Amino acid sequence: MSIDSSGVGAVLLIGLMMAIALATRLGGVFILSVTPISHRMKRFIDSMSSSVLIALVAPLLITGDMGTRLALLVAATLMLIARNSLLSIAGGVITAAGVRLL
């Protein structure tokens, strides 16, 4: 099956992706609401979010340019110092934008 990715097909594809994302999020909330969360399960959930973040950032560190690497370094440093993820993300974005501007 193939869907034309222009016009109405693009809207259909976006709607389908949105429905799948919503179903997985609501499904996860439902499953966790009926599952008892043990200490082991809590540790797994906490470490899983870090694993996803590392999986997204590691390729950028390897294949990115100097601006990307500098932005990641600033974001990591801010996270270690301030322990504030919003500040860390903002610092990384501002650094990347500044390097691109120059």
C-alpha atoms as a PDB file:
ATOM      1  CA  MET A   1       0.000   0.000   0.000  1.00  0.00           C
ATOM      2  CA  SER A   2       1.280   3.429  -0.802  1.00  0.00           C
ATOM      3  CA  ILE A   3      -0.055   6.871   0.090  1.00  0.00           C
ATOM      4  CA  ASP A   4       0.703   9.933  -1.992  1.00  0.00           C
ATOM      5  CA  SER A   5       2.760  12.242   0.222  1.00  0.00           C
ATOM      6  CA  SER A   6       1.490  15.460  -1.336  1.00  0.00           C
ATOM      7  CA  GLY A   7      -1.784  17.241  -0.775  1.00  0.00           C
ATOM      8  CA  VAL A   8      -4.423  15.225   1.071  1.00  0.00           C
ATOM      9  CA  GLY A   9      -2.041  12.277   1.421  1.00  0.00           C
ATOM     10  CA  ALA A  10       0.333  14.377   3.541  1.00  0.00           C
ATOM     11  CA  VAL A  11      -2.487  15.400   5.861  1.00  0.00           C
ATOM     12  CA  LEU A  12      -3.579  11.754   6.100  1.00  0.00           C
ATOM     13  CA  LEU A  13      -0.029  10.656   6.963  1.00  0.00           C
ATOM     14  CA  ILE A  14       0.334  13.345   9.631  1.00  0.00           C
ATOM     15  CA  GLY A  15      -3.026  12.365  11.114  1.00  0.00           C
ATOM     16  CA  LEU A  16      -2.015   8.699  11.133  1.00  0.00           C
ATOM     17  CA  MET A  17       1.307   9.467  12.850  1.00  0.00           C
ATOM     18  CA  MET A  18      -0.503  11.646  15.384  1.00  0.00           C
ATOM     19  CA  ALA A  19      -3.014   8.865  16.153  1.00  0.00           C
ATOM     20  CA  ILE A  20      -0.221   6.315  16.613  1.00  0.00           C
ATOM     21  CA  ALA A  21       1.752   8.644  18.905  1.00  0.00           C
ATOM     22  CA  LEU A  22      -1.369   9.394  20.963  1.00  0.00           C
ATOM     23  CA  ALA A  23      -2.266   5.696  21.215  1.00  0.00           C
ATOM     24  CA  THR A  24       1.203   4.752  22.442  1.00  0.00           C
ATOM     25  CA  ARG A  25       1.246   7.535  25.027  1.00  0.00           C
ATOM     26  CA  LEU A  26      -2.239   6.791  26.328  1.00  0.00           C
ATOM     27  CA  GLY A  27      -1.519   3.062  26.209  1.00  0.00           C
ATOM     28  CA  GLY A  28       1.586   3.560  28.330  1.00  0.00           C
ATOM     29  CA  VAL A  29      -0.336   5.624  30.871  1.00  0.00           C
ATOM     30  CA  PHE A  30      -3.071   2.974  31.003  1.00  0.00           C
ATOM     31  CA  ILE A  31      -0.617   0.095  31.398  1.00  0.00           C
ATOM     32  CA  LEU A  32       1.290   1.878  34.150  1.00  0.00           C
ATOM     33  CA  SER A  33      -1.941   2.808  35.937  1.00  0.00           C
ATOM     34  CA  VAL A  34      -2.874  -0.870  36.366  1.00  0.00           C
ATOM     35  CA  THR A  35       0.669  -2.177  36.948  1.00  0.00           C
ATOM     36  CA  PRO A  36       2.160  -2.024  40.424  1.00  0.00           C
ATOM     37  CA  ILE A  37       5.416  -0.079  40.242  1.00  0.00           C
ATOM     38  CA  SER A  38       8.151  -1.762  42.210  1.00  0.00           C
ATOM     39  CA  HIS A  39      11.520  -0.225  43.035  1.00  0.00           C
ATOM     40  CA  ARG A  40      13.050  -2.202  40.158  1.00  0.00           C
ATOM     41  CA  MET A  41      10.404  -0.928  37.712  1.00  0.00           C
ATOM     42  CA  LYS A  42      10.956   2.673  38.861  1.00  0.00           C
ATOM     43  CA  ARG A  43      14.719   2.336  38.275  1.00  0.00           C
ATOM     44  CA  PHE A  44      14.036   0.936  34.792  1.00  0.00           C
ATOM     45  CA  ILE A  45      11.728   3.839  33.884  1.00  0.00           C
ATOM     46  CA  ASP A  46      14.206   6.413  35.200  1.00  0.00           C
ATOM     47  CA  SER A  47      17.127   4.915  33.288  1.00  0.00           C
ATOM     48  CA  MET A  48      15.088   4.488  30.096  1.00  0.00           C
ATOM     49  CA  SER A  49      14.605   8.242  29.688  1.00  0.00           C
ATOM     50  CA  SER A  50      18.365   8.768  29.974  1.00  0.00           C
ATOM     51  CA  SER A  51      18.992   6.016  27.430  1.00  0.00           C
ATOM     52  CA  VAL A  52      16.672   7.627  24.903  1.00  0.00           C
ATOM     53  CA  LEU A  53      18.347  11.002  25.376  1.00  0.00           C
ATOM     54  CA  ILE A  54      21.811   9.500  24.926  1.00  0.00           C
ATOM     55  CA  ALA A  55      20.653   7.621  21.814  1.00  0.00           C
ATOM     56  CA  LEU A  56      19.520  10.929  20.315  1.00  0.00           C
ATOM     57  CA  VAL A  57      22.582  12.959  21.299  1.00  0.00           C
ATOM     58  CA  ALA A  58      25.438  10.495  20.650  1.00  0.00           C
ATOM     59  CA  PRO A  59      25.140  10.524  16.831  1.00  0.00           C
ATOM     60  CA  LEU A  60      25.156  14.330  16.877  1.00  0.00           C
ATOM     61  CA  LEU A  61      28.326  14.303  18.927  1.00  0.00           C
ATOM     62  CA  ILE A  62      30.024  12.037  16.394  1.00  0.00           C
ATOM     63  CA  THR A  63      28.716  13.429  13.105  1.00  0.00           C
ATOM     64  CA  GLY A  64      27.939  17.031  14.061  1.00  0.00           C
ATOM     65  CA  ASP A  65      30.043  20.036  13.248  1.00  0.00           C
ATOM     66  CA  MET A  66      31.948  22.150  15.784  1.00  0.00           C
ATOM     67  CA  GLY A  67      28.852  24.265  16.556  1.00  0.00           C
ATOM     68  CA  THR A  68      26.855  21.168  17.434  1.00  0.00           C
ATOM     69  CA  ARG A  69      29.610  19.805  19.628  1.00  0.00           C
ATOM     70  CA  LEU A  70      30.036  23.134  21.403  1.00  0.00           C
ATOM     71  CA  ALA A  71      26.268  23.369  22.003  1.00  0.00           C
ATOM     72  CA  LEU A  72      26.251  19.840  23.466  1.00  0.00           C
ATOM     73  CA  LEU A  73      29.218  20.700  25.681  1.00  0.00           C
ATOM     74  CA  VAL A  74      27.511  23.855  26.984  1.00  0.00           C
ATOM     75  CA  ALA A  75      24.246  21.980  27.600  1.00  0.00           C
ATOM     76  CA  ALA A  76      26.032  19.165  29.458  1.00  0.00           C
ATOM     77  CA  THR A  77      28.070  21.611  31.543  1.00  0.00           C
ATOM     78  CA  LEU A  78      24.983  23.616  32.480  1.00  0.00           C
ATOM     79  CA  MET A  79      23.156  20.439  33.431  1.00  0.00           C
ATOM     80  CA  LEU A  80      26.004  19.326  35.694  1.00  0.00           C
ATOM     81  CA  ILE A  81      26.292  22.741  37.353  1.00  0.00           C
ATOM     82  CA  ALA A  82      22.675  23.934  37.581  1.00  0.00           C
ATOM     83  CA  ARG A  83      20.772  20.611  37.517  1.00  0.00           C
ATOM     84  CA  ASN A  84      18.071  22.367  35.509  1.00  0.00           C
ATOM     85  CA  SER A  85      17.116  20.753  32.219  1.00  0.00           C
ATOM     86  CA  LEU A  86      15.301  23.819  30.852  1.00  0.00           C
ATOM     87  CA  LEU A  87      18.336  26.019  31.472  1.00  0.00           C
ATOM     88  CA  SER A  88      20.570  23.368  29.926  1.00  0.00           C
ATOM     89  CA  ILE A  89      18.465  23.105  26.776  1.00  0.00           C
ATOM     90  CA  ALA A  90      18.219  26.890  26.460  1.00  0.00           C
ATOM     91  CA  GLY A  91      21.991  27.239  26.826  1.00  0.00           C
ATOM     92  CA  GLY A  92      22.596  24.631  24.145  1.00  0.00           C
ATOM     93  CA  VAL A  93      20.139  26.221  21.728  1.00  0.00           C
ATOM     94  CA  ILE A  94      21.539  29.709  22.301  1.00  0.00           C
ATOM     95  CA  THR A  95      25.086  28.413  21.804  1.00  0.00           C
ATOM     96  CA  ALA A  96      24.155  26.635  18.566  1.00  0.00           C
ATOM     97  CA  ALA A  97      22.368  29.749  17.288  1.00  0.00           C
ATOM     98  CA  GLY A  98      25.323  31.956  18.229  1.00  0.00           C
ATOM     99  CA  VAL A  99      27.818  29.732  16.442  1.00  0.00           C
ATOM    100  CA  ARG A 100      25.584  29.608  13.350  1.00  0.00           C
ATOM    101  CA  LEU A 101      25.242  33.393  13.440  1.00  0.00           C
ATOM    102  CA  LEU A 102      29.003  33.830  13.419  1.00  0.00           C
END
